[in-house]
């Protein structure tokens, strides 16, 4: 638990919001698309969502397969 708290501390408020949206939308049994995340977060551009996802991946909060839809996987400490 302590490691997860430390990991969350390095994320911005907006990045935490994106993670929460991924969790909410993943309850259907599969990860969300960029468009679904954009709609959920009130972002007009999927490019903006992609920028958030790249930052989360760089910080180790998620992993993604390139050029593959619905490939967002939350890292262990962020589930």
C-alpha atoms as a PDB file:
ATOM      1  CA  UNK A   1       0.000   0.000   0.000  1.00  0.00           C
ATOM      2  CA  UNK A   2       2.785   2.401   0.890  1.00  0.00           C
ATOM      3  CA  UNK A   3       4.439   1.888  -2.523  1.00  0.00           C
ATOM      4  CA  UNK A   4       1.143   2.626  -4.294  1.00  0.00           C
ATOM      5  CA  UNK A   5       0.715   5.848  -2.307  1.00  0.00           C
ATOM      6  CA  UNK A   6       4.265   6.917  -3.169  1.00  0.00           C
ATOM      7  CA  UNK A   7       3.623   6.146  -6.831  1.00  0.00           C
ATOM      8  CA  UNK A   8       0.430   8.205  -6.867  1.00  0.00           C
ATOM      9  CA  UNK A   9       2.234  11.166  -5.332  1.00  0.00           C
ATOM     10  CA  UNK A  10       4.279  11.747  -8.466  1.00  0.00           C
ATOM     11  CA  UNK A  11       1.180  12.069 -10.672  1.00  0.00           C
ATOM     12  CA  UNK A  12      -0.556  15.374 -11.325  1.00  0.00           C
ATOM     13  CA  UNK A  13      -4.201  15.881 -10.374  1.00  0.00           C
ATOM     14  CA  UNK A  14      -5.192  15.647 -14.024  1.00  0.00           C
ATOM     15  CA  UNK A  15      -3.252  12.404 -14.471  1.00  0.00           C
ATOM     16  CA  UNK A  16      -5.059  10.948 -11.454  1.00  0.00           C
ATOM     17  CA  UNK A  17      -8.333  12.042 -13.049  1.00  0.00           C
ATOM     18  CA  UNK A  18      -7.388  10.232 -16.268  1.00  0.00           C
ATOM     19  CA  UNK A  19      -6.547   7.077 -14.270  1.00  0.00           C
ATOM     20  CA  UNK A  20      -9.929   7.237 -12.533  1.00  0.00           C
ATOM     21  CA  UNK A  21     -11.666   7.563 -15.901  1.00  0.00           C
ATOM     22  CA  UNK A  22      -9.761   4.540 -17.221  1.00  0.00           C
ATOM     23  CA  UNK A  23     -10.843   2.534 -14.151  1.00  0.00           C
ATOM     24  CA  UNK A  24     -14.503   3.604 -14.531  1.00  0.00           C
ATOM     25  CA  UNK A  25     -14.642   2.819 -18.223  1.00  0.00           C
ATOM     26  CA  UNK A  26     -12.773  -0.480 -17.793  1.00  0.00           C
ATOM     27  CA  UNK A  27     -15.506  -1.889 -15.558  1.00  0.00           C
ATOM     28  CA  UNK A  28     -17.195  -3.111 -18.726  1.00  0.00           C
ATOM     29  CA  UNK A  29     -14.480  -5.749 -19.003  1.00  0.00           C
ATOM     30  CA  UNK A  30     -12.207  -4.044 -21.541  1.00  0.00           C
ATOM     31  CA  UNK A  31     -10.139  -0.841 -21.653  1.00  0.00           C
ATOM     32  CA  UNK A  32     -11.586   2.355 -23.137  1.00  0.00           C
ATOM     33  CA  UNK A  33     -10.766   3.815 -26.533  1.00  0.00           C
ATOM     34  CA  UNK A  34      -9.179   7.247 -26.926  1.00  0.00           C
ATOM     35  CA  UNK A  35     -12.550   8.644 -28.028  1.00  0.00           C
ATOM     36  CA  UNK A  36     -14.328   7.210 -24.993  1.00  0.00           C
ATOM     37  CA  UNK A  37     -11.711   8.732 -22.692  1.00  0.00           C
ATOM     38  CA  UNK A  38     -11.955  12.078 -24.495  1.00  0.00           C
ATOM     39  CA  UNK A  39     -15.720  12.108 -24.017  1.00  0.00           C
ATOM     40  CA  UNK A  40     -15.455  11.071 -20.350  1.00  0.00           C
ATOM     41  CA  UNK A  41     -12.824  13.733 -19.604  1.00  0.00           C
ATOM     42  CA  UNK A  42     -14.356  16.553 -21.650  1.00  0.00           C
ATOM     43  CA  UNK A  43     -11.381  16.725 -24.026  1.00  0.00           C
ATOM     44  CA  UNK A  44     -12.149  17.593 -27.647  1.00  0.00           C
ATOM     45  CA  UNK A  45      -9.125  15.952 -29.206  1.00  0.00           C
ATOM     46  CA  UNK A  46      -7.987  12.340 -29.008  1.00  0.00           C
ATOM     47  CA  UNK A  47      -4.489  13.764 -29.410  1.00  0.00           C
ATOM     48  CA  UNK A  48      -4.905  15.461 -26.031  1.00  0.00           C
ATOM     49  CA  UNK A  49      -5.897  12.131 -24.476  1.00  0.00           C
ATOM     50  CA  UNK A  50      -2.914  10.478 -26.142  1.00  0.00           C
ATOM     51  CA  UNK A  51      -0.610  13.071 -24.549  1.00  0.00           C
ATOM     52  CA  UNK A  52      -2.005  12.235 -21.097  1.00  0.00           C
ATOM     53  CA  UNK A  53      -1.587   8.512 -21.754  1.00  0.00           C
ATOM     54  CA  UNK A  54       2.014   8.992 -22.897  1.00  0.00           C
ATOM     55  CA  UNK A  55       2.792  10.863 -19.668  1.00  0.00           C
ATOM     56  CA  UNK A  56       1.151   8.112 -17.598  1.00  0.00           C
ATOM     57  CA  UNK A  57       3.129   5.467 -19.482  1.00  0.00           C
ATOM     58  CA  UNK A  58       6.377   7.387 -18.947  1.00  0.00           C
ATOM     59  CA  UNK A  59       5.647   7.481 -15.212  1.00  0.00           C
ATOM     60  CA  UNK A  60       4.897   3.758 -15.153  1.00  0.00           C
ATOM     61  CA  UNK A  61       1.197   4.081 -14.287  1.00  0.00           C
ATOM     62  CA  UNK A  62       0.005   2.308 -17.451  1.00  0.00           C
ATOM     63  CA  UNK A  63       1.301   0.236 -20.317  1.00  0.00           C
ATOM     64  CA  UNK A  64       0.057   0.375 -23.894  1.00  0.00           C
ATOM     65  CA  UNK A  65       0.584  -1.547 -27.090  1.00  0.00           C
ATOM     66  CA  UNK A  66       1.277   0.800 -29.980  1.00  0.00           C
ATOM     67  CA  UNK A  67      -1.204   0.993 -32.839  1.00  0.00           C
ATOM     68  CA  UNK A  68      -3.658  -1.236 -31.025  1.00  0.00           C
ATOM     69  CA  UNK A  69      -7.091  -0.129 -29.841  1.00  0.00           C
ATOM     70  CA  UNK A  70      -8.096  -0.774 -26.237  1.00  0.00           C
ATOM     71  CA  UNK A  71      -4.555  -1.623 -25.182  1.00  0.00           C
ATOM     72  CA  UNK A  72      -4.387   0.411 -21.937  1.00  0.00           C
ATOM     73  CA  UNK A  73      -3.361  -1.680 -18.926  1.00  0.00           C
ATOM     74  CA  UNK A  74      -3.075  -0.165 -15.459  1.00  0.00           C
ATOM     75  CA  UNK A  75       0.208  -0.956 -13.701  1.00  0.00           C
ATOM     76  CA  UNK A  76       0.095  -3.003 -10.495  1.00  0.00           C
ATOM     77  CA  UNK A  77       0.184  -0.086  -8.033  1.00  0.00           C
ATOM     78  CA  UNK A  78      -2.539   1.836  -9.893  1.00  0.00           C
ATOM     79  CA  UNK A  79      -5.337  -0.742 -10.205  1.00  0.00           C
END
